[in-house]
Amino acid sequence: MKNTVDKIMTILNHSQMRLPENKEERKLLVLTLVRGRFDFEEMSKRALAKEWKERSRDERKHFVDLFSQPLENTYIEKVDRFSGRVSVSYETTGFSFKV
């Protein structure tokens, strides 16, 4: 997790990435990291429980896409709001954020 957070912080704190005209590129870079870290298919599977097995492959894919969109959008919105104003410090008991 530390590695992913550090990479996201590097993107968010990069002076060029903070420019408004780079918002879409910044979003894509952060989402690429997030998607590599969160297993949206597994989350979807657990959310549907026994219904998952009864769905076709296309229905499952469609559900994963629908399920992940609000989570990704919320994550990006929150991360983008604090772009360039957040620092992360790691401690032996976990990590903390400072705004």
N, C-alpha and C. Protein backbone atom coordinates (compact mmCIF):
# COMPACT_ATOMS: atom_id res chain seq x y z
N MET A 1 0.82 -1.19 0.00
CA MET A 1 0.00 0.00 0.00
C MET A 1 0.87 1.26 0.00
N LYS A 2 1.94 1.25 0.77
CA LYS A 2 2.83 2.40 0.84
C LYS A 2 3.35 2.78 -0.54
N ASN A 3 3.73 1.79 -1.30
CA ASN A 3 4.25 2.03 -2.64
C ASN A 3 3.22 2.75 -3.52
N THR A 4 1.98 2.29 -3.46
CA THR A 4 0.90 2.91 -4.25
C THR A 4 0.63 4.33 -3.78
N VAL A 5 0.55 4.53 -2.49
CA VAL A 5 0.30 5.87 -1.94
C VAL A 5 1.44 6.81 -2.33
N ASP A 6 2.67 6.34 -2.24
CA ASP A 6 3.82 7.17 -2.62
C ASP A 6 3.76 7.56 -4.10
N LYS A 7 3.38 6.63 -4.95
CA LYS A 7 3.27 6.94 -6.38
C LYS A 7 2.16 7.95 -6.65
N ILE A 8 1.04 7.78 -5.96
CA ILE A 8 -0.06 8.74 -6.13
C ILE A 8 0.36 10.12 -5.64
N MET A 9 1.05 10.17 -4.52
CA MET A 9 1.52 11.45 -3.99
C MET A 9 2.51 12.11 -4.94
N THR A 10 3.36 11.33 -5.58
CA THR A 10 4.31 11.88 -6.55
C THR A 10 3.55 12.54 -7.70
N ILE A 11 2.52 11.87 -8.18
CA ILE A 11 1.70 12.43 -9.26
C ILE A 11 1.03 13.73 -8.80
N LEU A 12 0.40 13.68 -7.63
CA LEU A 12 -0.36 14.83 -7.14
C LEU A 12 0.51 16.03 -6.80
N ASN A 13 1.74 15.76 -6.40
CA ASN A 13 2.62 16.86 -6.00
C ASN A 13 3.50 17.38 -7.12
N HIS A 14 3.46 16.74 -8.27
CA HIS A 14 4.25 17.19 -9.42
C HIS A 14 3.65 18.49 -9.95
N SER A 15 4.47 19.52 -10.09
CA SER A 15 3.96 20.84 -10.47
C SER A 15 3.21 20.82 -11.80
N GLN A 16 3.68 20.07 -12.78
CA GLN A 16 2.98 20.00 -14.07
C GLN A 16 1.65 19.27 -13.97
N MET A 17 1.61 18.25 -13.12
CA MET A 17 0.38 17.47 -12.97
C MET A 17 -0.71 18.26 -12.25
N ARG A 18 -0.33 19.26 -11.48
CA ARG A 18 -1.31 20.07 -10.75
C ARG A 18 -2.02 21.09 -11.64
N LEU A 19 -1.48 21.32 -12.83
CA LEU A 19 -2.10 22.29 -13.73
C LEU A 19 -3.47 21.82 -14.19
N PRO A 20 -4.44 22.73 -14.27
CA PRO A 20 -5.80 22.35 -14.67
C PRO A 20 -5.87 21.61 -16.00
N GLU A 21 -5.03 22.00 -16.94
CA GLU A 21 -5.06 21.35 -18.26
C GLU A 21 -4.57 19.90 -18.22
N ASN A 22 -3.98 19.47 -17.11
CA ASN A 22 -3.49 18.09 -16.97
C ASN A 22 -4.41 17.24 -16.09
N LYS A 23 -5.61 17.75 -15.82
CA LYS A 23 -6.53 17.04 -14.94
C LYS A 23 -6.85 15.63 -15.44
N GLU A 24 -7.16 15.48 -16.72
CA GLU A 24 -7.52 14.17 -17.26
C GLU A 24 -6.34 13.20 -17.22
N GLU A 25 -5.15 13.70 -17.53
CA GLU A 25 -3.96 12.84 -17.46
C GLU A 25 -3.68 12.42 -16.02
N ARG A 26 -3.82 13.36 -15.09
CA ARG A 26 -3.63 13.07 -13.67
C ARG A 26 -4.63 12.01 -13.21
N LYS A 27 -5.88 12.18 -13.62
CA LYS A 27 -6.92 11.22 -13.26
C LYS A 27 -6.59 9.83 -13.80
N LEU A 28 -6.18 9.75 -15.05
CA LEU A 28 -5.85 8.47 -15.66
C LEU A 28 -4.68 7.79 -14.95
N LEU A 29 -3.65 8.55 -14.62
CA LEU A 29 -2.49 7.99 -13.92
C LEU A 29 -2.87 7.45 -12.55
N VAL A 30 -3.67 8.23 -11.81
CA VAL A 30 -4.08 7.80 -10.47
C VAL A 30 -4.99 6.58 -10.56
N LEU A 31 -5.94 6.60 -11.50
CA LEU A 31 -6.85 5.46 -11.65
C LEU A 31 -6.11 4.19 -12.04
N THR A 32 -5.08 4.32 -12.83
CA THR A 32 -4.27 3.14 -13.20
C THR A 32 -3.67 2.51 -11.95
N LEU A 33 -3.17 3.33 -11.05
CA LEU A 33 -2.60 2.83 -9.80
C LEU A 33 -3.68 2.24 -8.90
N VAL A 34 -4.82 2.91 -8.81
CA VAL A 34 -5.92 2.45 -7.96
C VAL A 34 -6.44 1.10 -8.46
N ARG A 35 -6.64 1.00 -9.77
CA ARG A 35 -7.15 -0.25 -10.34
C ARG A 35 -6.20 -1.41 -10.13
N GLY A 36 -4.92 -1.10 -10.06
CA GLY A 36 -3.93 -2.15 -9.79
C GLY A 36 -3.91 -2.58 -8.33
N ARG A 37 -4.48 -1.76 -7.47
CA ARG A 37 -4.46 -2.02 -6.04
C ARG A 37 -5.76 -2.62 -5.51
N PHE A 38 -6.89 -2.18 -6.07
CA PHE A 38 -8.19 -2.64 -5.61
C PHE A 38 -8.75 -3.68 -6.57
N ASP A 39 -9.26 -4.74 -6.04
CA ASP A 39 -9.83 -5.82 -6.85
C ASP A 39 -11.33 -5.60 -6.96
N PHE A 40 -11.73 -4.78 -7.95
CA PHE A 40 -13.13 -4.46 -8.12
C PHE A 40 -13.97 -5.67 -8.49
N GLU A 41 -13.38 -6.62 -9.19
CA GLU A 41 -14.12 -7.83 -9.53
C GLU A 41 -14.46 -8.62 -8.26
N GLU A 42 -13.49 -8.75 -7.37
CA GLU A 42 -13.73 -9.48 -6.12
C GLU A 42 -14.76 -8.74 -5.26
N MET A 43 -14.67 -7.43 -5.20
CA MET A 43 -15.66 -6.65 -4.44
C MET A 43 -17.06 -6.84 -5.02
N SER A 44 -17.14 -6.84 -6.34
CA SER A 44 -18.42 -7.04 -7.02
C SER A 44 -18.98 -8.42 -6.73
N LYS A 45 -18.10 -9.39 -6.79
CA LYS A 45 -18.49 -10.78 -6.53
C LYS A 45 -19.07 -10.91 -5.12
N ARG A 46 -18.42 -10.30 -4.16
CA ARG A 46 -18.90 -10.36 -2.78
C ARG A 46 -20.21 -9.58 -2.60
N ALA A 47 -20.34 -8.47 -3.33
CA ALA A 47 -21.56 -7.68 -3.23
C ALA A 47 -22.77 -8.45 -3.78
N LEU A 48 -22.56 -9.20 -4.85
CA LEU A 48 -23.67 -9.97 -5.44
C LEU A 48 -23.90 -11.31 -4.76
N ALA A 49 -22.91 -11.76 -4.02
CA ALA A 49 -23.00 -13.04 -3.30
C ALA A 49 -23.42 -14.16 -4.25
N LYS A 50 -24.45 -14.91 -3.92
CA LYS A 50 -24.82 -16.09 -4.72
C LYS A 50 -25.30 -15.71 -6.12
N GLU A 51 -25.75 -14.48 -6.30
CA GLU A 51 -26.20 -14.03 -7.62
C GLU A 51 -25.06 -13.99 -8.64
N TRP A 52 -23.83 -13.85 -8.16
CA TRP A 52 -22.67 -13.77 -9.05
C TRP A 52 -22.58 -15.00 -9.96
N LYS A 53 -22.76 -16.17 -9.39
CA LYS A 53 -22.63 -17.42 -10.15
C LYS A 53 -23.74 -17.55 -11.20
N GLU A 54 -24.85 -16.91 -10.96
CA GLU A 54 -25.99 -17.03 -11.86
C GLU A 54 -25.94 -16.03 -13.02
N ARG A 55 -24.95 -15.15 -13.02
CA ARG A 55 -24.82 -14.14 -14.06
C ARG A 55 -23.87 -14.62 -15.16
N SER A 56 -24.10 -14.19 -16.37
CA SER A 56 -23.21 -14.53 -17.48
C SER A 56 -21.92 -13.71 -17.37
N ARG A 57 -20.94 -14.08 -18.15
CA ARG A 57 -19.66 -13.36 -18.14
C ARG A 57 -19.87 -11.89 -18.50
N ASP A 58 -20.70 -11.62 -19.51
CA ASP A 58 -20.97 -10.24 -19.91
C ASP A 58 -21.70 -9.47 -18.81
N GLU A 59 -22.64 -10.11 -18.16
CA GLU A 59 -23.37 -9.46 -17.06
C GLU A 59 -22.42 -9.15 -15.90
N ARG A 60 -21.52 -10.06 -15.62
CA ARG A 60 -20.55 -9.84 -14.54
C ARG A 60 -19.66 -8.64 -14.87
N LYS A 61 -19.15 -8.63 -16.11
CA LYS A 61 -18.28 -7.52 -16.52
C LYS A 61 -19.03 -6.19 -16.43
N HIS A 62 -20.26 -6.20 -16.90
CA HIS A 62 -21.08 -4.99 -16.85
C HIS A 62 -21.29 -4.54 -15.40
N PHE A 63 -21.57 -5.48 -14.51
CA PHE A 63 -21.77 -5.14 -13.11
C PHE A 63 -20.48 -4.58 -12.50
N VAL A 64 -19.35 -5.20 -12.79
CA VAL A 64 -18.06 -4.71 -12.25
C VAL A 64 -17.83 -3.27 -12.70
N ASP A 65 -18.11 -3.00 -13.98
CA ASP A 65 -17.94 -1.64 -14.50
C ASP A 65 -18.85 -0.66 -13.77
N LEU A 66 -20.11 -1.04 -13.60
CA LEU A 66 -21.06 -0.17 -12.90
C LEU A 66 -20.71 0.00 -11.43
N PHE A 67 -20.27 -1.08 -10.80
CA PHE A 67 -19.93 -1.07 -9.38
C PHE A 67 -18.69 -0.22 -9.11
N SER A 68 -17.70 -0.31 -9.99
CA SER A 68 -16.44 0.38 -9.75
C SER A 68 -16.49 1.87 -10.06
N GLN A 69 -17.36 2.28 -10.99
CA GLN A 69 -17.41 3.69 -11.39
C GLN A 69 -17.62 4.66 -10.24
N PRO A 70 -18.65 4.49 -9.41
CA PRO A 70 -18.83 5.45 -8.30
C PRO A 70 -17.66 5.44 -7.31
N LEU A 71 -17.09 4.27 -7.08
CA LEU A 71 -15.95 4.18 -6.17
C LEU A 71 -14.75 4.93 -6.74
N GLU A 72 -14.47 4.70 -8.02
CA GLU A 72 -13.36 5.40 -8.66
C GLU A 72 -13.60 6.90 -8.70
N ASN A 73 -14.81 7.31 -9.05
CA ASN A 73 -15.12 8.74 -9.13
C ASN A 73 -14.98 9.43 -7.78
N THR A 74 -15.46 8.78 -6.73
CA THR A 74 -15.35 9.33 -5.38
C THR A 74 -13.89 9.44 -4.97
N TYR A 75 -13.13 8.39 -5.24
CA TYR A 75 -11.71 8.38 -4.90
C TYR A 75 -10.98 9.52 -5.61
N ILE A 76 -11.20 9.64 -6.92
CA ILE A 76 -10.53 10.68 -7.70
C ILE A 76 -10.95 12.07 -7.22
N GLU A 77 -12.22 12.25 -6.94
CA GLU A 77 -12.71 13.54 -6.46
C GLU A 77 -12.02 13.94 -5.16
N LYS A 78 -11.92 13.00 -4.23
CA LYS A 78 -11.29 13.28 -2.94
C LYS A 78 -9.80 13.55 -3.10
N VAL A 79 -9.15 12.73 -3.90
CA VAL A 79 -7.70 12.88 -4.11
C VAL A 79 -7.42 14.19 -4.82
N ASP A 80 -8.21 14.49 -5.83
CA ASP A 80 -7.99 15.71 -6.61
C ASP A 80 -8.21 16.97 -5.79
N ARG A 81 -9.15 16.90 -4.87
CA ARG A 81 -9.45 18.05 -4.03
C ARG A 81 -8.22 18.49 -3.21
N PHE A 82 -7.41 17.53 -2.80
CA PHE A 82 -6.26 17.84 -1.96
C PHE A 82 -4.94 17.83 -2.72
N SER A 83 -5.01 17.77 -4.03
CA SER A 83 -3.81 17.73 -4.87
C SER A 83 -2.86 18.88 -4.53
N GLY A 84 -1.63 18.52 -4.20
CA GLY A 84 -0.61 19.51 -3.87
C GLY A 84 -0.66 20.05 -2.46
N ARG A 85 -1.65 19.62 -1.66
CA ARG A 85 -1.78 20.15 -0.30
C ARG A 85 -1.72 19.07 0.77
N VAL A 86 -1.37 17.86 0.38
CA VAL A 86 -1.38 16.74 1.32
C VAL A 86 0.02 16.17 1.46
N SER A 87 0.34 15.80 2.67
CA SER A 87 1.58 15.05 2.89
C SER A 87 1.23 13.79 3.67
N VAL A 88 1.98 12.75 3.42
CA VAL A 88 1.74 11.47 4.09
C VAL A 88 2.99 11.11 4.86
N SER A 89 2.81 10.69 6.10
CA SER A 89 3.94 10.20 6.89
C SER A 89 3.60 8.81 7.39
N TYR A 90 4.59 7.95 7.37
CA TYR A 90 4.39 6.56 7.78
C TYR A 90 5.00 6.37 9.16
N GLU A 91 4.26 5.68 10.00
CA GLU A 91 4.72 5.37 11.34
C GLU A 91 4.61 3.86 11.53
N THR A 92 5.18 3.36 12.58
CA THR A 92 5.14 1.92 12.80
C THR A 92 3.72 1.41 13.04
N THR A 93 2.83 2.29 13.46
CA THR A 93 1.44 1.87 13.72
C THR A 93 0.53 2.12 12.51
N GLY A 94 1.08 2.64 11.42
CA GLY A 94 0.27 2.93 10.25
C GLY A 94 0.75 4.19 9.58
N PHE A 95 -0.15 4.96 9.02
CA PHE A 95 0.25 6.22 8.41
C PHE A 95 -0.79 7.28 8.69
N SER A 96 -0.39 8.53 8.53
CA SER A 96 -1.31 9.63 8.78
C SER A 96 -1.24 10.63 7.64
N PHE A 97 -2.31 11.38 7.46
CA PHE A 97 -2.37 12.39 6.43
C PHE A 97 -2.37 13.76 7.08
N LYS A 98 -1.73 14.71 6.41
CA LYS A 98 -1.77 16.09 6.87
C LYS A 98 -2.18 16.94 5.68
N VAL A 99 -3.13 17.84 5.95
CA VAL A 99 -3.61 18.75 4.91
C VAL A 99 -3.19 20.15 5.27
